PDB file of N, CA and C in Angstrom:
ATOM      1  N   MET A   1     -12.095  51.803 -24.131  1.00  0.00           N
ATOM      2  CA  MET A   1     -11.595  52.636 -23.069  1.00  0.00           C
ATOM      3  C   MET A   1     -10.320  53.354 -23.538  1.00  0.00           C
ATOM      4  N   SER A   2     -10.256  54.650 -23.350  1.00  0.00           N
ATOM      5  CA  SER A   2      -9.091  55.388 -23.801  1.00  0.00           C
ATOM      6  C   SER A   2      -7.925  55.193 -22.825  1.00  0.00           C
ATOM      7  N   THR A   3      -6.752  55.583 -23.276  1.00  0.00           N
ATOM      8  CA  THR A   3      -5.550  55.485 -22.432  1.00  0.00           C
ATOM      9  C   THR A   3      -5.741  56.335 -21.172  1.00  0.00           C
ATOM     10  N   LYS A   4      -6.335  57.514 -21.339  1.00  0.00           N
ATOM     11  CA  LYS A   4      -6.540  58.410 -20.190  1.00  0.00           C
ATOM     12  C   LYS A   4      -7.463  57.722 -19.148  1.00  0.00           C
ATOM     13  N   GLU A   5      -8.504  57.079 -19.622  1.00  0.00           N
ATOM     14  CA  GLU A   5      -9.429  56.407 -18.691  1.00  0.00           C
ATOM     15  C   GLU A   5      -8.741  55.256 -17.974  1.00  0.00           C
ATOM     16  N   LYS A   6      -7.888  54.527 -18.693  1.00  0.00           N
ATOM     17  CA  LYS A   6      -7.151  53.420 -18.057  1.00  0.00           C
ATOM     18  C   LYS A   6      -6.235  53.935 -16.960  1.00  0.00           C
ATOM     19  N   VAL A   7      -5.541  55.028 -17.250  1.00  0.00           N
ATOM     20  CA  VAL A   7      -4.619  55.597 -16.268  1.00  0.00           C
ATOM     21  C   VAL A   7      -5.386  56.081 -15.036  1.00  0.00           C
ATOM     22  N   LEU A   8      -6.516  56.732 -15.261  1.00  0.00           N
ATOM     23  CA  LEU A   8      -7.329  57.185 -14.124  1.00  0.00           C
ATOM     24  C   LEU A   8      -7.848  56.038 -13.317  1.00  0.00           C
ATOM     25  N   GLU A   9      -8.272  54.975 -13.972  1.00  0.00           N
ATOM     26  CA  GLU A   9      -8.744  53.784 -13.264  1.00  0.00           C
ATOM     27  C   GLU A   9      -7.637  53.155 -12.423  1.00  0.00           C
ATOM     28  N   GLN A  10      -6.428  53.077 -12.993  1.00  0.00           N
ATOM     29  CA  GLN A  10      -5.292  52.524 -12.217  1.00  0.00           C
ATOM     30  C   GLN A  10      -4.981  53.413 -11.038  1.00  0.00           C
ATOM     31  N   PHE A  11      -5.041  54.730 -11.227  1.00  0.00           N
ATOM     32  CA  PHE A  11      -4.767  55.681 -10.153  1.00  0.00           C
ATOM     33  C   PHE A  11      -5.776  55.530  -9.018  1.00  0.00           C
ATOM     34  N   ASP A  12      -7.080  55.417  -9.389  1.00  0.00           N
ATOM     35  CA  ASP A  12      -8.131  55.248  -8.389  1.00  0.00           C
ATOM     36  C   ASP A  12      -7.958  53.963  -7.582  1.00  0.00           C
ATOM     37  N   THR A  13      -7.597  52.879  -8.247  1.00  0.00           N
ATOM     38  CA  THR A  13      -7.353  51.607  -7.588  1.00  0.00           C
ATOM     39  C   THR A  13      -6.152  51.727  -6.625  1.00  0.00           C
ATOM     40  N   ALA A  14      -5.084  52.288  -7.067  1.00  0.00           N
ATOM     41  CA  ALA A  14      -3.890  52.468  -6.232  1.00  0.00           C
ATOM     42  C   ALA A  14      -4.162  53.350  -5.031  1.00  0.00           C
ATOM     43  N   THR A  15      -4.956  54.404  -5.233  1.00  0.00           N
ATOM     44  CA  THR A  15      -5.296  55.315  -4.154  1.00  0.00           C
ATOM     45  C   THR A  15      -6.107  54.598  -3.089  1.00  0.00           C
ATOM     46  N   LYS A  16      -7.081  53.814  -3.490  1.00  0.00           N
ATOM     47  CA  LYS A  16      -7.897  53.053  -2.559  1.00  0.00           C
ATOM     48  C   LYS A  16      -7.090  52.072  -1.752  1.00  0.00           C
ATOM     49  N   GLU A  17      -6.153  51.407  -2.378  1.00  0.00           N
ATOM     50  CA  GLU A  17      -5.334  50.385  -1.729  1.00  0.00           C
ATOM     51  C   GLU A  17      -4.371  51.025  -0.701  1.00  0.00           C
ATOM     52  N   LYS A  18      -3.980  52.239  -0.905  1.00  0.00           N
ATOM     53  CA  LYS A  18      -3.032  52.900  -0.017  1.00  0.00           C
ATOM     54  C   LYS A  18      -3.702  53.786   1.010  1.00  0.00           C
ATOM     55  N   LYS A  19      -5.004  53.660   1.220  1.00  0.00           N
ATOM     56  CA  LYS A  19      -5.704  54.484   2.155  1.00  0.00           C
ATOM     57  C   LYS A  19      -5.143  54.338   3.534  1.00  0.00           C
ATOM     58  N   ASN A  20      -4.759  55.431   4.159  1.00  0.00           N
ATOM     59  CA  ASN A  20      -4.206  55.392   5.497  1.00  0.00           C
ATOM     60  C   ASN A  20      -5.344  55.475   6.529  1.00  0.00           C
ATOM     61  N   ASN A  21      -5.103  54.827   7.645  1.00  0.00           N
ATOM     62  CA  ASN A  21      -6.006  54.956   8.785  1.00  0.00           C
ATOM     63  C   ASN A  21      -5.414  56.035   9.698  1.00  0.00           C
ATOM     64  N   GLU A  22      -6.196  56.422  10.666  1.00  0.00           N
ATOM     65  CA  GLU A  22      -5.804  57.479  11.602  1.00  0.00           C
ATOM     66  C   GLU A  22      -6.099  57.055  13.046  1.00  0.00           C
ATOM     67  N   ILE A  23      -5.208  57.449  13.962  1.00  0.00           N
ATOM     68  CA  ILE A  23      -5.517  57.362  15.377  1.00  0.00           C
ATOM     69  C   ILE A  23      -6.049  58.727  15.788  1.00  0.00           C
ATOM     70  N   VAL A  24      -7.250  58.724  16.316  1.00  0.00           N
ATOM     71  CA  VAL A  24      -7.879  59.938  16.836  1.00  0.00           C
ATOM     72  C   VAL A  24      -7.937  59.831  18.351  1.00  0.00           C
ATOM     73  N   VAL A  25      -7.447  60.888  19.022  1.00  0.00           N
ATOM     74  CA  VAL A  25      -7.503  60.972  20.473  1.00  0.00           C
ATOM     75  C   VAL A  25      -8.601  61.948  20.846  1.00  0.00           C
ATOM     76  N   TYR A  26      -9.369  61.584  21.901  1.00  0.00           N
ATOM     77  CA  TYR A  26     -10.509  62.406  22.334  1.00  0.00           C
ATOM     78  C   TYR A  26     -10.246  63.028  23.690  1.00  0.00           C
ATOM     79  N   ASN A  27     -10.829  64.174  23.889  1.00  0.00           N
ATOM     80  CA  ASN A  27     -10.687  64.905  25.141  1.00  0.00           C
ATOM     81  C   ASN A  27     -11.429  64.201  26.263  1.00  0.00           C
ATOM     82  N   ASP A  28     -10.931  64.373  27.488  1.00  0.00           N
ATOM     83  CA  ASP A  28     -11.637  63.918  28.663  1.00  0.00           C
ATOM     84  C   ASP A  28     -11.325  64.880  29.817  1.00  0.00           C
ATOM     85  N   ASP A  29     -11.966  64.678  30.947  1.00  0.00           N
ATOM     86  CA  ASP A  29     -11.730  65.534  32.093  1.00  0.00           C
ATOM     87  C   ASP A  29     -10.855  64.855  33.136  1.00  0.00           C
ATOM     88  N   VAL A  30     -10.144  63.814  32.720  1.00  0.00           N
ATOM     89  CA  VAL A  30      -9.395  62.993  33.668  1.00  0.00           C
ATOM     90  C   VAL A  30      -7.884  63.156  33.521  1.00  0.00           C
ATOM     91  N   ASN A  31      -7.390  63.035  32.297  1.00  0.00           N
ATOM     92  CA  ASN A  31      -5.936  63.040  32.056  1.00  0.00           C
ATOM     93  C   ASN A  31      -5.343  64.436  32.023  1.00  0.00           C
ATOM     94  N   THR A  32      -4.131  64.564  32.567  1.00  0.00           N
ATOM     95  CA  THR A  32      -3.435  65.836  32.550  1.00  0.00           C
ATOM     96  C   THR A  32      -2.769  66.061  31.215  1.00  0.00           C
ATOM     97  N   PHE A  33      -2.460  67.308  30.964  1.00  0.00           N
ATOM     98  CA  PHE A  33      -1.713  67.626  29.729  1.00  0.00           C
ATOM     99  C   PHE A  33      -0.403  66.868  29.690  1.00  0.00           C
ATOM    100  N   ASP A  34       0.310  66.873  30.768  1.00  0.00           N
ATOM    101  CA  ASP A  34       1.627  66.166  30.819  1.00  0.00           C
ATOM    102  C   ASP A  34       1.492  64.675  30.506  1.00  0.00           C
ATOM    103  N   HIS A  35       0.473  64.065  31.054  1.00  0.00           N
ATOM    104  CA  HIS A  35       0.275  62.627  30.820  1.00  0.00           C
ATOM    105  C   HIS A  35       0.002  62.348  29.325  1.00  0.00           C
ATOM    106  N   VAL A  36      -0.868  63.152  28.726  1.00  0.00           N
ATOM    107  CA  VAL A  36      -1.176  62.959  27.303  1.00  0.00           C
ATOM    108  C   VAL A  36       0.038  63.261  26.443  1.00  0.00           C
ATOM    109  N   ILE A  37       0.765  64.306  26.749  1.00  0.00           N
ATOM    110  CA  ILE A  37       1.982  64.645  26.004  1.00  0.00           C
ATOM    111  C   ILE A  37       2.986  63.503  26.073  1.00  0.00           C
ATOM    112  N   ASN A  38       3.256  63.042  27.289  1.00  0.00           N
ATOM    113  CA  ASN A  38       4.252  61.956  27.447  1.00  0.00           C
ATOM    114  C   ASN A  38       3.790  60.682  26.725  1.00  0.00           C
ATOM    115  N   THR A  39       2.522  60.402  26.775  1.00  0.00           N
ATOM    116  CA  THR A  39       1.976  59.188  26.108  1.00  0.00           C
ATOM    117  C   THR A  39       2.169  59.293  24.595  1.00  0.00           C
ATOM    118  N   LEU A  40       1.860  60.483  24.013  1.00  0.00           N
ATOM    119  CA  LEU A  40       2.003  60.652  22.577  1.00  0.00           C
ATOM    120  C   LEU A  40       3.480  60.552  22.131  1.00  0.00           C
ATOM    121  N   ILE A  41       4.379  61.036  22.986  1.00  0.00           N
ATOM    122  CA  ILE A  41       5.805  60.930  22.676  1.00  0.00           C
ATOM    123  C   ILE A  41       6.200  59.458  22.605  1.00  0.00           C
ATOM    124  N   LYS A  42       5.742  58.678  23.597  1.00  0.00           N
ATOM    125  CA  LYS A  42       6.086  57.256  23.648  1.00  0.00           C
ATOM    126  C   LYS A  42       5.365  56.446  22.614  1.00  0.00           C
ATOM    127  N   ALA A  43       4.075  56.640  22.460  1.00  0.00           N
ATOM    128  CA  ALA A  43       3.262  55.767  21.609  1.00  0.00           C
ATOM    129  C   ALA A  43       3.354  56.125  20.130  1.00  0.00           C
ATOM    130  N   CYS A  44       3.518  57.409  19.825  1.00  0.00           N
ATOM    131  CA  CYS A  44       3.447  57.840  18.440  1.00  0.00           C
ATOM    132  C   CYS A  44       4.778  58.387  17.912  1.00  0.00           C
ATOM    133  N   ASP A  45       5.812  58.331  18.723  1.00  0.00           N
ATOM    134  CA  ASP A  45       7.128  58.878  18.333  1.00  0.00           C
ATOM    135  C   ASP A  45       7.045  60.370  17.999  1.00  0.00           C
ATOM    136  N   HIS A  46       6.177  61.097  18.717  1.00  0.00           N
ATOM    137  CA  HIS A  46       6.091  62.542  18.512  1.00  0.00           C
ATOM    138  C   HIS A  46       7.280  63.238  19.170  1.00  0.00           C
ATOM    139  N   THR A  47       7.623  64.390  18.620  1.00  0.00           N
ATOM    140  CA  THR A  47       8.545  65.291  19.345  1.00  0.00           C
ATOM    141  C   THR A  47       7.737  65.909  20.453  1.00  0.00           C
ATOM    142  N   PRO A  48       8.396  66.457  21.474  1.00  0.00           N
ATOM    143  CA  PRO A  48       7.643  67.146  22.532  1.00  0.00           C
ATOM    144  C   PRO A  48       6.727  68.237  21.976  1.00  0.00           C
ATOM    145  N   GLU A  49       7.209  68.955  20.957  1.00  0.00           N
ATOM    146  CA  GLU A  49       6.383  70.014  20.383  1.00  0.00           C
ATOM    147  C   GLU A  49       5.142  69.476  19.671  1.00  0.00           C
ATOM    148  N   GLN A  50       5.318  68.389  18.912  1.00  0.00           N
ATOM    149  CA  GLN A  50       4.154  67.771  18.233  1.00  0.00           C
ATOM    150  C   GLN A  50       3.144  67.294  19.249  1.00  0.00           C
ATOM    151  N   ALA A  51       3.638  66.632  20.273  1.00  0.00           N
ATOM    152  CA  ALA A  51       2.739  66.085  21.299  1.00  0.00           C
ATOM    153  C   ALA A  51       1.971  67.194  22.012  1.00  0.00           C
ATOM    154  N   GLU A  52       2.649  68.276  22.305  1.00  0.00           N
ATOM    155  CA  GLU A  52       2.026  69.413  22.972  1.00  0.00           C
ATOM    156  C   GLU A  52       0.949  70.039  22.076  1.00  0.00           C
ATOM    157  N   GLN A  53       1.266  70.225  20.801  1.00  0.00           N
ATOM    158  CA  GLN A  53       0.279  70.769  19.841  1.00  0.00           C
ATOM    159  C   GLN A  53      -0.968  69.903  19.743  1.00  0.00           C
ATOM    160  N   CYS A  54      -0.740  68.578  19.612  1.00  0.00           N
ATOM    161  CA  CYS A  54      -1.879  67.666  19.543  1.00  0.00           C
ATOM    162  C   CYS A  54      -2.707  67.723  20.826  1.00  0.00           C
ATOM    163  N   THR A  55      -2.057  67.757  21.958  1.00  0.00           N
ATOM    164  CA  THR A  55      -2.766  67.817  23.234  1.00  0.00           C
ATOM    165  C   THR A  55      -3.611  69.063  23.360  1.00  0.00           C
ATOM    166  N   ILE A  56      -3.078  70.187  22.899  1.00  0.00           N
ATOM    167  CA  ILE A  56      -3.830  71.457  22.909  1.00  0.00           C
ATOM    168  C   ILE A  56      -5.052  71.327  22.006  1.00  0.00           C
ATOM    169  N   LEU A  57      -4.863  70.754  20.822  1.00  0.00           N
ATOM    170  CA  LEU A  57      -6.003  70.567  19.910  1.00  0.00           C
ATOM    171  C   LEU A  57      -7.051  69.661  20.504  1.00  0.00           C
ATOM    172  N   VAL A  58      -6.644  68.575  21.160  1.00  0.00           N
ATOM    173  CA  VAL A  58      -7.567  67.670  21.815  1.00  0.00           C
ATOM    174  C   VAL A  58      -8.378  68.443  22.849  1.00  0.00           C
ATOM    175  N   HIS A  59      -7.665  69.254  23.634  1.00  0.00           N
ATOM    176  CA  HIS A  59      -8.335  69.992  24.722  1.00  0.00           C
ATOM    177  C   HIS A  59      -9.373  70.999  24.173  1.00  0.00           C
ATOM    178  N   TYR A  60      -9.005  71.768  23.169  1.00  0.00           N
ATOM    179  CA  TYR A  60      -9.875  72.840  22.678  1.00  0.00           C
ATOM    180  C   TYR A  60     -10.865  72.397  21.613  1.00  0.00           C
ATOM    181  N   LYS A  61     -10.506  71.396  20.817  1.00  0.00           N
ATOM    182  CA  LYS A  61     -11.374  70.961  19.715  1.00  0.00           C
ATOM    183  C   LYS A  61     -12.148  69.695  20.046  1.00  0.00           C
ATOM    184  N   GLY A  62     -11.721  68.997  21.097  1.00  0.00           N
ATOM    185  CA  GLY A  62     -12.418  67.766  21.531  1.00  0.00           C
ATOM    186  C   GLY A  62     -11.781  66.499  20.958  1.00  0.00           C
ATOM    187  N   GLN A  63     -10.949  66.642  19.925  1.00  0.00           N
ATOM    188  CA  GLN A  63     -10.283  65.493  19.336  1.00  0.00           C
ATOM    189  C   GLN A  63      -9.177  65.958  18.416  1.00  0.00           C
ATOM    190  N   CYS A  64      -8.280  65.038  18.095  1.00  0.00           N
ATOM    191  CA  CYS A  64      -7.173  65.329  17.188  1.00  0.00           C
ATOM    192  C   CYS A  64      -6.639  64.034  16.596  1.00  0.00           C
ATOM    193  N   THR A  65      -6.376  64.032  15.292  1.00  0.00           N
ATOM    194  CA  THR A  65      -5.688  62.925  14.663  1.00  0.00           C
ATOM    195  C   THR A  65      -4.207  63.031  15.051  1.00  0.00           C
ATOM    196  N   VAL A  66      -3.713  62.011  15.754  1.00  0.00           N
ATOM    197  CA  VAL A  66      -2.355  62.067  16.256  1.00  0.00           C
ATOM    198  C   VAL A  66      -1.376  61.251  15.425  1.00  0.00           C
ATOM    199  N   LYS A  67      -1.861  60.342  14.594  1.00  0.00           N
ATOM    200  CA  LYS A  67      -0.985  59.519  13.771  1.00  0.00           C
ATOM    201  C   LYS A  67      -1.751  58.940  12.610  1.00  0.00           C
ATOM    202  N   THR A  68      -1.163  58.935  11.441  1.00  0.00           N
ATOM    203  CA  THR A  68      -1.754  58.281  10.301  1.00  0.00           C
ATOM    204  C   THR A  68      -0.819  57.225   9.771  1.00  0.00           C
ATOM    205  N   GLY A  69      -1.379  56.203   9.139  1.00  0.00           N
ATOM    206  CA  GLY A  69      -0.529  55.162   8.589  1.00  0.00           C
ATOM    207  C   GLY A  69      -1.288  53.889   8.337  1.00  0.00           C
ATOM    208  N   GLU A  70      -0.538  52.838   8.161  1.00  0.00           N
ATOM    209  CA  GLU A  70      -1.141  51.523   7.921  1.00  0.00           C
ATOM    210  C   GLU A  70      -1.693  50.947   9.213  1.00  0.00           C
ATOM    211  N   LEU A  71      -2.767  50.198   9.108  1.00  0.00           N
ATOM    212  CA  LEU A  71      -3.430  49.646  10.272  1.00  0.00           C
ATOM    213  C   LEU A  71      -2.489  48.828  11.145  1.00  0.00           C
ATOM    214  N   LYS A  72      -1.625  48.028  10.499  1.00  0.00           N
ATOM    215  CA  LYS A  72      -0.733  47.159  11.283  1.00  0.00           C
ATOM    216  C   LYS A  72       0.249  47.976  12.134  1.00  0.00           C
ATOM    217  N   ASP A  73       0.584  49.173  11.707  1.00  0.00           N
ATOM    218  CA  ASP A  73       1.469  50.059  12.484  1.00  0.00           C
ATOM    219  C   ASP A  73       0.707  50.772  13.583  1.00  0.00           C
ATOM    220  N   LEU A  74      -0.570  51.147  13.272  1.00  0.00           N
ATOM    221  CA  LEU A  74      -1.335  51.935  14.194  1.00  0.00           C
ATOM    222  C   LEU A  74      -1.916  51.134  15.381  1.00  0.00           C
ATOM    223  N   LYS A  75      -2.218  49.862  15.171  1.00  0.00           N
ATOM    224  CA  LYS A  75      -2.847  49.054  16.229  1.00  0.00           C
ATOM    225  C   LYS A  75      -2.040  49.033  17.512  1.00  0.00           C
ATOM    226  N   PRO A  76      -0.736  48.691  17.472  1.00  0.00           N
ATOM    227  CA  PRO A  76       0.008  48.706  18.748  1.00  0.00           C
ATOM    228  C   PRO A  76       0.154  50.093  19.353  1.00  0.00           C
ATOM    229  N   ARG A  77       0.222  51.107  18.503  1.00  0.00           N
ATOM    230  CA  ARG A  77       0.316  52.477  18.988  1.00  0.00           C
ATOM    231  C   ARG A  77      -0.956  52.890  19.723  1.00  0.00           C
ATOM    232  N   CYS A  78      -2.105  52.570  19.116  1.00  0.00           N
ATOM    233  CA  CYS A  78      -3.372  52.905  19.708  1.00  0.00           C
ATOM    234  C   CYS A  78      -3.558  52.120  21.031  1.00  0.00           C
ATOM    235  N   SER A  79      -3.114  50.885  21.054  1.00  0.00           N
ATOM    236  CA  SER A  79      -3.184  50.106  22.280  1.00  0.00           C
ATOM    237  C   SER A  79      -2.428  50.749  23.428  1.00  0.00           C
ATOM    238  N   LYS A  80      -1.238  51.282  23.129  1.00  0.00           N
ATOM    239  CA  LYS A  80      -0.452  51.972  24.160  1.00  0.00           C
ATOM    240  C   LYS A  80      -1.198  53.198  24.698  1.00  0.00           C
ATOM    241  N   ILE A  81      -1.860  53.927  23.791  1.00  0.00           N
ATOM    242  CA  ILE A  81      -2.623  55.122  24.191  1.00  0.00           C
ATOM    243  C   ILE A  81      -3.768  54.697  25.069  1.00  0.00           C
ATOM    244  N   LEU A  82      -4.517  53.661  24.683  1.00  0.00           N
ATOM    245  CA  LEU A  82      -5.651  53.183  25.463  1.00  0.00           C
ATOM    246  C   LEU A  82      -5.195  52.633  26.826  1.00  0.00           C
ATOM    247  N   GLU A  83      -4.083  51.923  26.842  1.00  0.00           N
ATOM    248  CA  GLU A  83      -3.549  51.383  28.109  1.00  0.00           C
ATOM    249  C   GLU A  83      -3.148  52.474  29.059  1.00  0.00           C
ATOM    250  N   ALA A  84      -2.848  53.672  28.535  1.00  0.00           N
ATOM    251  CA  ALA A  84      -2.481  54.808  29.371  1.00  0.00           C
ATOM    252  C   ALA A  84      -3.749  55.533  29.901  1.00  0.00           C
ATOM    253  N   GLY A  85      -4.920  54.993  29.553  1.00  0.00           N
ATOM    254  CA  GLY A  85      -6.187  55.564  30.035  1.00  0.00           C
ATOM    255  C   GLY A  85      -6.704  56.736  29.244  1.00  0.00           C
ATOM    256  N   ILE A  86      -6.195  56.859  28.012  1.00  0.00           N
ATOM    257  CA  ILE A  86      -6.588  57.962  27.125  1.00  0.00           C
ATOM    258  C   ILE A  86      -7.550  57.426  26.077  1.00  0.00           C
ATOM    259  N   SER A  87      -8.618  58.149  25.839  1.00  0.00           N
ATOM    260  CA  SER A  87      -9.632  57.719  24.869  1.00  0.00           C
ATOM    261  C   SER A  87      -9.131  57.954  23.481  1.00  0.00           C
ATOM    262  N   ALA A  88      -9.129  56.852  22.666  1.00  0.00           N
ATOM    263  CA  ALA A  88      -8.650  56.933  21.292  1.00  0.00           C
ATOM    264  C   ALA A  88      -9.277  55.837  20.467  1.00  0.00           C
ATOM    265  N   GLU A  89      -9.229  55.979  19.158  1.00  0.00           N
ATOM    266  CA  GLU A  89      -9.705  54.961  18.250  1.00  0.00           C
ATOM    267  C   GLU A  89      -9.009  55.105  16.899  1.00  0.00           C
ATOM    268  N   ILE A  90      -8.983  54.000  16.161  1.00  0.00           N
ATOM    269  CA  ILE A  90      -8.469  54.002  14.805  1.00  0.00           C
ATOM    270  C   ILE A  90      -9.644  54.135  13.864  1.00  0.00           C
ATOM    271  N   ILE A  91      -9.552  55.125  12.952  1.00  0.00           N
ATOM    272  CA  ILE A  91     -10.638  55.278  11.975  1.00  0.00           C
ATOM    273  C   ILE A  91     -10.069  55.120  10.575  1.00  0.00           C
TER     274      ILE A  91
END
């Protein structure tokens, strides 16, 4: 195995280990824009502008990735979103 192949193999392994998960929020006909915005500010530490942009994307596209990171960080955040009655999942 050449040095180049070894470096590529190490890079591939490191990339797989650092794979981030995502919280995806889905559109519904129940929650108001303000409720979703306020929830994203609280649960995901979004700025009001970030939360508003994500909420607009959820409304028009049907879903939006609102936070990426390690699973241990995302689980409590996703729980807060779900407890607020908003449809979301970690992928």
